[in-house]
Amino acid sequence: HAIETQLAQTMLGQARASVMMTDAYKFSMAEVGFPLRQETFYLSFRKGGWMLQPFDLPRFIEALRPAAPTQGERDFLIQNGYTLTPDMALALSGPLEIQALPAGTWFGPGEPIVSITGPSFLVSWLEPILCWLQFPIQVATAALLNQSRTVSVTCEDERTVAQLAIEAAGPDL
């Protein structure tokens, strides 16, 4: 597996994301809105100084794409007052236009590192998960700058994320 696929699976805690990995707000908004409407999300970090973007972000984002909902997930939504409309289901497999800084690019605070345009339901579903990238990007930057030879982690998954970030930053670290 590519580093990006391993990173996505580790951060998700499973091989494929579930559409249920969000809050009810996403479903409420999609039900009353237009889940297939084109939406664009820009990811940037407001704080932290200059950082290295070490990943193939389009590959990472595609690895985050949720699997088709199971019947059990659909039943759970219905039991809790939500539905997965045909347009919402179609949005989950819809096309994405991803513009990203290439791996190895340095960026400053507030500079977008990726923009994603696609069906509203899918893009808004991806948005909070993509914010998870700040940790591995900070680890990769610190490792590359020799600012920290030791990364404090709280669990095995966090250790794996840190190791993958350091590996992506450069094989000689």
N, C-alpha and C. Protein backbone atom coordinates (compact mmCIF):
# COMPACT_ATOMS: atom_id res chain seq x y z
N HIS A 1 0.83 -1.20 0.00
CA HIS A 1 0.00 0.00 0.00
C HIS A 1 0.87 1.25 0.00
N ALA A 2 0.42 2.25 -0.65
CA ALA A 2 1.09 3.54 -0.62
C ALA A 2 0.94 4.13 0.78
N ILE A 3 1.87 5.01 1.13
CA ILE A 3 1.82 5.67 2.43
C ILE A 3 0.46 6.33 2.64
N GLU A 4 -0.06 6.96 1.62
CA GLU A 4 -1.33 7.69 1.77
C GLU A 4 -2.49 6.75 2.09
N THR A 5 -2.52 5.58 1.49
CA THR A 5 -3.58 4.61 1.77
C THR A 5 -3.43 4.10 3.20
N GLN A 6 -2.22 3.78 3.61
CA GLN A 6 -1.98 3.34 4.98
C GLN A 6 -2.36 4.42 5.98
N LEU A 7 -2.01 5.67 5.67
CA LEU A 7 -2.34 6.79 6.54
C LEU A 7 -3.86 6.92 6.69
N ALA A 8 -4.57 6.88 5.57
CA ALA A 8 -6.03 7.00 5.62
C ALA A 8 -6.64 5.87 6.45
N GLN A 9 -6.20 4.64 6.21
CA GLN A 9 -6.77 3.50 6.94
C GLN A 9 -6.46 3.59 8.43
N THR A 10 -5.27 4.04 8.78
CA THR A 10 -4.91 4.17 10.19
C THR A 10 -5.73 5.28 10.85
N MET A 11 -5.86 6.41 10.17
CA MET A 11 -6.62 7.52 10.74
C MET A 11 -8.11 7.18 10.86
N LEU A 12 -8.63 6.40 9.92
CA LEU A 12 -10.03 6.00 9.97
C LEU A 12 -10.26 4.88 10.98
N GLY A 13 -9.22 4.11 11.27
CA GLY A 13 -9.36 2.97 12.18
C GLY A 13 -9.95 1.75 11.51
N GLN A 14 -10.00 1.76 10.18
CA GLN A 14 -10.55 0.64 9.41
C GLN A 14 -10.16 0.80 7.95
N ALA A 15 -10.42 -0.24 7.16
CA ALA A 15 -9.99 -0.24 5.76
C ALA A 15 -10.73 0.79 4.92
N ARG A 16 -12.02 0.99 5.15
CA ARG A 16 -12.82 1.95 4.38
C ARG A 16 -13.64 2.79 5.34
N ALA A 17 -13.82 4.02 4.98
CA ALA A 17 -14.65 4.92 5.78
C ALA A 17 -16.11 4.52 5.65
N SER A 18 -16.87 4.82 6.66
CA SER A 18 -18.32 4.62 6.65
C SER A 18 -18.98 5.98 6.56
N VAL A 19 -20.06 6.06 5.83
CA VAL A 19 -20.82 7.31 5.74
C VAL A 19 -21.28 7.75 7.13
N MET A 20 -21.31 6.83 8.07
CA MET A 20 -21.74 7.14 9.44
C MET A 20 -20.66 7.88 10.24
N MET A 21 -19.49 8.07 9.67
CA MET A 21 -18.40 8.75 10.38
C MET A 21 -18.58 10.27 10.30
N THR A 22 -19.72 10.72 10.72
CA THR A 22 -20.03 12.15 10.74
C THR A 22 -21.14 12.35 11.75
N ASP A 23 -21.62 13.57 11.84
CA ASP A 23 -22.73 13.83 12.75
C ASP A 23 -24.03 13.99 11.97
N ALA A 24 -25.12 14.06 12.70
CA ALA A 24 -26.44 14.15 12.07
C ALA A 24 -26.60 15.42 11.25
N TYR A 25 -25.84 16.44 11.58
CA TYR A 25 -25.94 17.71 10.87
C TYR A 25 -25.73 17.53 9.36
N LYS A 26 -24.75 16.72 8.97
CA LYS A 26 -24.48 16.50 7.54
C LYS A 26 -25.70 15.91 6.83
N PHE A 27 -26.37 14.97 7.50
CA PHE A 27 -27.55 14.36 6.90
C PHE A 27 -28.71 15.34 6.85
N SER A 28 -28.88 16.12 7.92
CA SER A 28 -29.97 17.12 7.94
C SER A 28 -29.80 18.12 6.82
N MET A 29 -28.60 18.64 6.67
CA MET A 29 -28.35 19.64 5.64
C MET A 29 -28.53 19.05 4.24
N ALA A 30 -28.09 17.81 4.04
CA ALA A 30 -28.24 17.18 2.73
C ALA A 30 -29.71 16.91 2.41
N GLU A 31 -30.49 16.55 3.44
CA GLU A 31 -31.91 16.28 3.21
C GLU A 31 -32.67 17.53 2.80
N VAL A 32 -32.33 18.68 3.37
CA VAL A 32 -33.06 19.91 3.05
C VAL A 32 -32.39 20.72 1.94
N GLY A 33 -31.19 20.33 1.57
CA GLY A 33 -30.45 21.07 0.56
C GLY A 33 -30.37 20.33 -0.75
N PHE A 34 -29.26 20.50 -1.38
CA PHE A 34 -29.02 19.92 -2.69
C PHE A 34 -27.72 19.13 -2.64
N PRO A 35 -27.77 17.85 -2.27
CA PRO A 35 -26.56 17.06 -2.05
C PRO A 35 -25.68 16.90 -3.28
N LEU A 36 -26.24 17.13 -4.47
CA LEU A 36 -25.44 17.01 -5.69
C LEU A 36 -24.89 18.36 -6.18
N ARG A 37 -25.30 19.45 -5.52
CA ARG A 37 -24.79 20.78 -5.89
C ARG A 37 -23.27 20.80 -5.73
N GLN A 38 -22.59 21.45 -6.65
CA GLN A 38 -21.13 21.55 -6.57
C GLN A 38 -20.73 22.45 -5.41
N GLU A 39 -19.79 21.98 -4.65
CA GLU A 39 -19.27 22.71 -3.49
C GLU A 39 -17.76 22.61 -3.53
N THR A 40 -17.08 23.64 -3.03
CA THR A 40 -15.63 23.62 -2.96
C THR A 40 -15.20 23.85 -1.52
N PHE A 41 -14.25 23.03 -1.07
CA PHE A 41 -13.66 23.17 0.26
C PHE A 41 -12.17 23.41 0.08
N TYR A 42 -11.66 24.39 0.81
CA TYR A 42 -10.23 24.69 0.83
C TYR A 42 -9.68 24.33 2.19
N LEU A 43 -8.60 23.55 2.23
CA LEU A 43 -7.95 23.21 3.50
C LEU A 43 -6.71 24.06 3.68
N SER A 44 -6.65 24.75 4.80
CA SER A 44 -5.46 25.49 5.18
C SER A 44 -5.36 25.43 6.69
N PHE A 45 -4.18 25.72 7.19
CA PHE A 45 -3.97 25.78 8.64
C PHE A 45 -3.60 27.21 8.99
N ARG A 46 -4.33 27.80 9.92
CA ARG A 46 -4.12 29.21 10.25
C ARG A 46 -2.88 29.45 11.10
N LYS A 47 -2.46 28.45 11.83
CA LYS A 47 -1.34 28.62 12.75
C LYS A 47 -0.29 27.55 12.50
N GLY A 48 0.90 27.77 13.01
CA GLY A 48 1.91 26.73 12.96
C GLY A 48 3.15 27.07 12.16
N GLY A 49 3.20 28.22 11.54
CA GLY A 49 4.39 28.58 10.77
C GLY A 49 4.47 27.79 9.48
N TRP A 50 5.65 27.84 8.86
CA TRP A 50 5.87 27.11 7.61
C TRP A 50 5.86 25.62 7.87
N MET A 51 5.20 24.86 6.99
CA MET A 51 5.11 23.41 7.12
C MET A 51 5.35 22.74 5.78
N LEU A 52 5.77 21.50 5.86
CA LEU A 52 6.00 20.68 4.68
C LEU A 52 4.77 19.82 4.43
N GLN A 53 4.28 19.82 3.20
CA GLN A 53 3.18 18.95 2.79
C GLN A 53 3.83 17.73 2.13
N PRO A 54 3.91 16.59 2.84
CA PRO A 54 4.68 15.45 2.34
C PRO A 54 3.90 14.38 1.58
N PHE A 55 2.60 14.56 1.39
CA PHE A 55 1.76 13.48 0.88
C PHE A 55 1.22 13.72 -0.52
N ASP A 56 0.84 12.64 -1.18
CA ASP A 56 0.08 12.70 -2.43
C ASP A 56 -1.37 12.89 -1.98
N LEU A 57 -1.80 14.13 -1.86
CA LEU A 57 -3.11 14.42 -1.28
C LEU A 57 -4.28 13.88 -2.09
N PRO A 58 -4.25 13.91 -3.44
CA PRO A 58 -5.38 13.28 -4.15
C PRO A 58 -5.52 11.79 -3.81
N ARG A 59 -4.41 11.09 -3.69
CA ARG A 59 -4.47 9.66 -3.33
C ARG A 59 -5.04 9.49 -1.92
N PHE A 60 -4.59 10.33 -0.99
CA PHE A 60 -5.08 10.27 0.39
C PHE A 60 -6.59 10.52 0.43
N ILE A 61 -7.04 11.55 -0.28
CA ILE A 61 -8.46 11.91 -0.27
C ILE A 61 -9.31 10.79 -0.87
N GLU A 62 -8.85 10.20 -1.96
CA GLU A 62 -9.61 9.09 -2.55
C GLU A 62 -9.67 7.89 -1.59
N ALA A 63 -8.62 7.69 -0.79
CA ALA A 63 -8.61 6.59 0.18
C ALA A 63 -9.59 6.85 1.33
N LEU A 64 -9.97 8.11 1.53
CA LEU A 64 -10.93 8.46 2.57
C LEU A 64 -12.38 8.29 2.13
N ARG A 65 -12.60 8.21 0.85
CA ARG A 65 -13.97 8.18 0.30
C ARG A 65 -14.75 7.05 0.98
N PRO A 66 -15.97 7.35 1.47
CA PRO A 66 -16.72 6.32 2.20
C PRO A 66 -17.24 5.21 1.30
N ALA A 67 -17.32 4.03 1.89
CA ALA A 67 -17.91 2.88 1.21
C ALA A 67 -19.41 3.10 1.08
N ALA A 68 -20.02 2.41 0.14
CA ALA A 68 -21.48 2.46 0.02
C ALA A 68 -22.09 2.01 1.34
N PRO A 69 -23.12 2.71 1.80
CA PRO A 69 -23.73 2.36 3.09
C PRO A 69 -24.32 0.95 3.08
N THR A 70 -24.14 0.27 4.17
CA THR A 70 -24.73 -1.05 4.32
C THR A 70 -26.22 -0.91 4.64
N GLN A 71 -26.95 -1.98 4.53
CA GLN A 71 -28.37 -1.94 4.91
C GLN A 71 -28.51 -1.61 6.38
N GLY A 72 -27.62 -2.10 7.21
CA GLY A 72 -27.66 -1.79 8.64
C GLY A 72 -27.48 -0.30 8.91
N GLU A 73 -26.58 0.33 8.15
CA GLU A 73 -26.39 1.78 8.30
C GLU A 73 -27.62 2.54 7.84
N ARG A 74 -28.21 2.11 6.73
CA ARG A 74 -29.44 2.75 6.24
C ARG A 74 -30.57 2.60 7.27
N ASP A 75 -30.70 1.39 7.85
CA ASP A 75 -31.73 1.16 8.86
C ASP A 75 -31.51 2.04 10.09
N PHE A 76 -30.26 2.18 10.51
CA PHE A 76 -29.94 3.04 11.66
C PHE A 76 -30.37 4.47 11.39
N LEU A 77 -30.07 4.97 10.20
CA LEU A 77 -30.46 6.33 9.85
C LEU A 77 -31.97 6.50 9.92
N ILE A 78 -32.69 5.55 9.34
CA ILE A 78 -34.15 5.62 9.34
C ILE A 78 -34.70 5.58 10.76
N GLN A 79 -34.15 4.70 11.60
CA GLN A 79 -34.60 4.59 12.99
C GLN A 79 -34.38 5.89 13.75
N ASN A 80 -33.42 6.71 13.29
CA ASN A 80 -33.11 7.96 13.97
C ASN A 80 -33.61 9.19 13.23
N GLY A 81 -34.55 8.98 12.31
CA GLY A 81 -35.22 10.09 11.65
C GLY A 81 -34.52 10.66 10.43
N TYR A 82 -33.58 9.93 9.86
CA TYR A 82 -32.85 10.40 8.68
C TYR A 82 -33.00 9.39 7.55
N THR A 83 -32.75 9.87 6.37
CA THR A 83 -32.73 8.97 5.22
C THR A 83 -31.47 9.23 4.42
N LEU A 84 -31.12 8.28 3.64
CA LEU A 84 -30.06 8.46 2.66
C LEU A 84 -30.78 8.50 1.32
N THR A 85 -31.05 9.70 0.86
CA THR A 85 -31.81 9.86 -0.39
C THR A 85 -30.99 9.33 -1.57
N PRO A 86 -31.65 9.05 -2.68
CA PRO A 86 -30.90 8.61 -3.87
C PRO A 86 -29.82 9.62 -4.28
N ASP A 87 -30.12 10.93 -4.16
CA ASP A 87 -29.12 11.94 -4.51
C ASP A 87 -27.93 11.92 -3.54
N MET A 88 -28.20 11.67 -2.26
CA MET A 88 -27.10 11.58 -1.29
C MET A 88 -26.22 10.37 -1.61
N ALA A 89 -26.83 9.24 -1.92
CA ALA A 89 -26.07 8.04 -2.28
C ALA A 89 -25.25 8.29 -3.54
N LEU A 90 -25.84 8.95 -4.52
CA LEU A 90 -25.12 9.27 -5.76
C LEU A 90 -23.96 10.22 -5.48
N ALA A 91 -24.16 11.17 -4.58
CA ALA A 91 -23.10 12.13 -4.24
C ALA A 91 -21.86 11.42 -3.69
N LEU A 92 -22.06 10.37 -2.89
CA LEU A 92 -20.93 9.68 -2.26
C LEU A 92 -19.97 9.07 -3.27
N SER A 93 -20.48 8.73 -4.45
CA SER A 93 -19.59 8.16 -5.48
C SER A 93 -19.32 9.16 -6.60
N GLY A 94 -19.71 10.41 -6.37
CA GLY A 94 -19.55 11.44 -7.40
C GLY A 94 -18.11 11.81 -7.66
N PRO A 95 -17.88 12.48 -8.78
CA PRO A 95 -16.51 12.88 -9.13
C PRO A 95 -16.01 14.02 -8.26
N LEU A 96 -14.72 13.98 -7.98
CA LEU A 96 -14.07 15.05 -7.23
C LEU A 96 -12.98 15.68 -8.09
N GLU A 97 -12.91 16.99 -8.05
CA GLU A 97 -11.79 17.72 -8.66
C GLU A 97 -10.90 18.14 -7.50
N ILE A 98 -9.69 17.62 -7.49
CA ILE A 98 -8.77 17.87 -6.37
C ILE A 98 -7.55 18.63 -6.90
N GLN A 99 -7.34 19.80 -6.35
CA GLN A 99 -6.14 20.60 -6.64
C GLN A 99 -5.34 20.65 -5.35
N ALA A 100 -4.11 20.17 -5.39
CA ALA A 100 -3.33 20.08 -4.16
C ALA A 100 -1.88 20.48 -4.39
N LEU A 101 -1.27 20.98 -3.32
CA LEU A 101 0.18 21.20 -3.38
C LEU A 101 0.85 19.86 -3.57
N PRO A 102 1.83 19.78 -4.42
CA PRO A 102 2.55 18.51 -4.59
C PRO A 102 3.29 18.12 -3.32
N ALA A 103 3.48 16.83 -3.13
CA ALA A 103 4.28 16.35 -2.01
C ALA A 103 5.65 17.02 -2.06
N GLY A 104 6.13 17.42 -0.90
CA GLY A 104 7.43 18.07 -0.82
C GLY A 104 7.36 19.59 -0.88
N THR A 105 6.16 20.15 -0.95
CA THR A 105 5.98 21.60 -1.04
C THR A 105 5.86 22.20 0.36
N TRP A 106 6.53 23.32 0.56
CA TRP A 106 6.39 24.08 1.81
C TRP A 106 5.26 25.08 1.65
N PHE A 107 4.53 25.32 2.73
CA PHE A 107 3.43 26.28 2.70
C PHE A 107 3.38 27.03 4.03
N GLY A 108 2.82 28.22 3.97
CA GLY A 108 2.72 29.06 5.16
C GLY A 108 1.33 29.08 5.74
N PRO A 109 1.19 29.72 6.92
CA PRO A 109 -0.13 29.81 7.57
C PRO A 109 -1.16 30.46 6.65
N GLY A 110 -2.32 29.86 6.58
CA GLY A 110 -3.42 30.40 5.79
C GLY A 110 -3.39 30.06 4.32
N GLU A 111 -2.30 29.50 3.84
CA GLU A 111 -2.22 29.12 2.42
C GLU A 111 -2.96 27.80 2.20
N PRO A 112 -3.86 27.76 1.23
CA PRO A 112 -4.56 26.49 0.96
C PRO A 112 -3.58 25.42 0.49
N ILE A 113 -3.72 24.23 1.06
CA ILE A 113 -2.87 23.13 0.60
C ILE A 113 -3.64 22.21 -0.34
N VAL A 114 -4.97 22.28 -0.27
CA VAL A 114 -5.79 21.47 -1.17
C VAL A 114 -7.17 22.14 -1.31
N SER A 115 -7.72 22.02 -2.51
CA SER A 115 -9.12 22.39 -2.72
C SER A 115 -9.80 21.18 -3.35
N ILE A 116 -11.02 20.96 -2.91
CA ILE A 116 -11.81 19.83 -3.40
C ILE A 116 -13.15 20.38 -3.88
N THR A 117 -13.49 20.09 -5.10
CA THR A 117 -14.78 20.47 -5.65
C THR A 117 -15.51 19.20 -6.06
N GLY A 118 -16.76 19.11 -5.65
CA GLY A 118 -17.56 17.94 -5.99
C GLY A 118 -18.94 18.05 -5.40
N PRO A 119 -19.69 16.95 -5.38
CA PRO A 119 -21.04 16.98 -4.82
C PRO A 119 -21.02 17.42 -3.36
N SER A 120 -21.92 18.32 -3.03
CA SER A 120 -21.95 18.93 -1.71
C SER A 120 -21.91 17.93 -0.56
N PHE A 121 -22.72 16.88 -0.64
CA PHE A 121 -22.77 15.92 0.46
C PHE A 121 -21.42 15.26 0.68
N LEU A 122 -20.74 14.87 -0.38
CA LEU A 122 -19.44 14.23 -0.25
C LEU A 122 -18.37 15.21 0.23
N VAL A 123 -18.32 16.39 -0.36
CA VAL A 123 -17.29 17.37 0.03
C VAL A 123 -17.47 17.78 1.49
N SER A 124 -18.71 18.04 1.90
CA SER A 124 -18.91 18.43 3.30
C SER A 124 -18.64 17.27 4.25
N TRP A 125 -18.83 16.04 3.80
CA TRP A 125 -18.51 14.87 4.61
C TRP A 125 -16.99 14.75 4.79
N LEU A 126 -16.23 15.04 3.73
CA LEU A 126 -14.77 14.94 3.80
C LEU A 126 -14.13 16.05 4.64
N GLU A 127 -14.75 17.21 4.66
CA GLU A 127 -14.16 18.39 5.28
C GLU A 127 -13.59 18.17 6.68
N PRO A 128 -14.35 17.68 7.66
CA PRO A 128 -13.76 17.54 9.01
C PRO A 128 -12.67 16.47 9.08
N ILE A 129 -12.79 15.45 8.25
CA ILE A 129 -11.77 14.39 8.26
C ILE A 129 -10.44 14.91 7.73
N LEU A 130 -10.49 15.79 6.73
CA LEU A 130 -9.25 16.34 6.17
C LEU A 130 -8.51 17.21 7.17
N CYS A 131 -9.22 17.77 8.12
CA CYS A 131 -8.56 18.57 9.15
C CYS A 131 -7.61 17.73 10.00
N TRP A 132 -7.81 16.41 9.99
CA TRP A 132 -6.92 15.50 10.71
C TRP A 132 -5.49 15.57 10.18
N LEU A 133 -5.30 16.08 8.97
CA LEU A 133 -3.96 16.12 8.36
C LEU A 133 -2.98 17.01 9.12
N GLN A 134 -3.47 17.90 9.96
CA GLN A 134 -2.55 18.81 10.63
C GLN A 134 -1.51 18.05 11.45
N PHE A 135 -1.91 17.00 12.17
CA PHE A 135 -0.96 16.26 13.00
C PHE A 135 0.15 15.63 12.17
N PRO A 136 -0.15 14.80 11.16
CA PRO A 136 0.96 14.20 10.41
C PRO A 136 1.81 15.24 9.68
N ILE A 137 1.22 16.32 9.23
CA ILE A 137 2.02 17.37 8.57
C ILE A 137 2.94 18.04 9.57
N GLN A 138 2.47 18.28 10.78
CA GLN A 138 3.34 18.87 11.82
C GLN A 138 4.48 17.92 12.17
N VAL A 139 4.17 16.63 12.28
CA VAL A 139 5.21 15.63 12.60
C VAL A 139 6.26 15.59 11.48
N ALA A 140 5.81 15.54 10.23
CA ALA A 140 6.73 15.48 9.10
C ALA A 140 7.63 16.72 9.08
N THR A 141 7.06 17.87 9.34
CA THR A 141 7.82 19.12 9.34
C THR A 141 8.86 19.12 10.44
N ALA A 142 8.44 18.76 11.65
CA ALA A 142 9.37 18.73 12.78
C ALA A 142 10.51 17.74 12.52
N ALA A 143 10.19 16.59 11.96
CA ALA A 143 11.23 15.59 11.68
C ALA A 143 12.21 16.11 10.64
N LEU A 144 11.70 16.72 9.59
CA LEU A 144 12.56 17.23 8.53
C LEU A 144 13.49 18.34 9.04
N LEU A 145 12.98 19.16 9.94
CA LEU A 145 13.77 20.28 10.49
C LEU A 145 14.63 19.86 11.68
N ASN A 146 14.59 18.56 11.99
CA ASN A 146 15.35 18.04 13.13
C ASN A 146 14.95 18.70 14.44
N GLN A 147 13.71 19.16 14.52
CA GLN A 147 13.22 19.81 15.73
C GLN A 147 12.84 18.82 16.80
N SER A 148 12.59 17.60 16.40
CA SER A 148 12.17 16.61 17.38
C SER A 148 12.53 15.22 16.88
N ARG A 149 13.34 14.56 17.64
CA ARG A 149 13.66 13.17 17.31
C ARG A 149 12.66 12.23 17.98
N THR A 150 11.91 12.77 18.94
CA THR A 150 10.93 11.98 19.66
C THR A 150 9.57 12.62 19.52
N VAL A 151 8.60 11.85 19.11
CA VAL A 151 7.23 12.32 19.01
C VAL A 151 6.43 11.61 20.09
N SER A 152 5.76 12.37 20.94
CA SER A 152 4.92 11.77 21.97
C SER A 152 3.61 11.34 21.35
N VAL A 153 3.26 10.08 21.55
CA VAL A 153 2.01 9.56 21.01
C VAL A 153 1.21 8.93 22.14
N THR A 154 -0.09 8.82 21.94
CA THR A 154 -0.96 8.30 22.98
C THR A 154 -1.48 6.90 22.71
N CYS A 155 -1.26 6.39 21.48
CA CYS A 155 -1.74 5.05 21.15
C CYS A 155 -0.96 4.53 19.93
N GLU A 156 -1.17 3.26 19.62
CA GLU A 156 -0.47 2.64 18.49
C GLU A 156 -0.85 3.28 17.15
N ASP A 157 -2.12 3.63 16.99
CA ASP A 157 -2.52 4.27 15.73
C ASP A 157 -1.82 5.61 15.55
N GLU A 158 -1.71 6.38 16.62
CA GLU A 158 -1.02 7.67 16.53
C GLU A 158 0.47 7.45 16.23
N ARG A 159 1.05 6.40 16.79
CA ARG A 159 2.45 6.06 16.49
C ARG A 159 2.59 5.73 15.00
N THR A 160 1.67 4.96 14.46
CA THR A 160 1.71 4.60 13.03
C THR A 160 1.57 5.85 12.16
N VAL A 161 0.65 6.74 12.51
CA VAL A 161 0.49 7.99 11.76
C VAL A 161 1.79 8.78 11.77
N ALA A 162 2.42 8.89 12.94
CA ALA A 162 3.69 9.62 13.05
C ALA A 162 4.78 8.96 12.21
N GLN A 163 4.87 7.65 12.26
CA GLN A 163 5.88 6.94 11.47
C GLN A 163 5.66 7.13 9.97
N LEU A 164 4.42 7.08 9.54
CA LEU A 164 4.12 7.29 8.12
C LEU A 164 4.45 8.72 7.69
N ALA A 165 4.19 9.67 8.56
CA ALA A 165 4.50 11.08 8.26
C ALA A 165 6.00 11.28 8.12
N ILE A 166 6.76 10.68 9.01
CA ILE A 166 8.22 10.79 8.96
C ILE A 166 8.75 10.10 7.70
N GLU A 167 8.20 8.96 7.37
CA GLU A 167 8.59 8.25 6.15
C GLU A 167 8.28 9.08 4.91
N ALA A 168 7.12 9.73 4.90
CA ALA A 168 6.74 10.56 3.75
C ALA A 168 7.63 11.80 3.63
N ALA A 169 8.11 12.31 4.76
CA ALA A 169 8.95 13.51 4.75
C ALA A 169 10.30 13.24 4.11
N GLY A 170 10.78 12.03 4.24
CA GLY A 170 12.06 11.72 3.62
C GLY A 170 12.61 10.42 4.13
N PRO A 171 13.10 9.59 3.25
CA PRO A 171 13.58 8.26 3.65
C PRO A 171 14.85 8.32 4.50
N ASP A 172 15.54 9.44 4.53
CA ASP A 172 16.79 9.51 5.29
C ASP A 172 16.60 9.98 6.72
N LEU A 173 15.38 10.21 7.14
CA LEU A 173 15.14 10.70 8.52
C LEU A 173 15.21 9.58 9.52
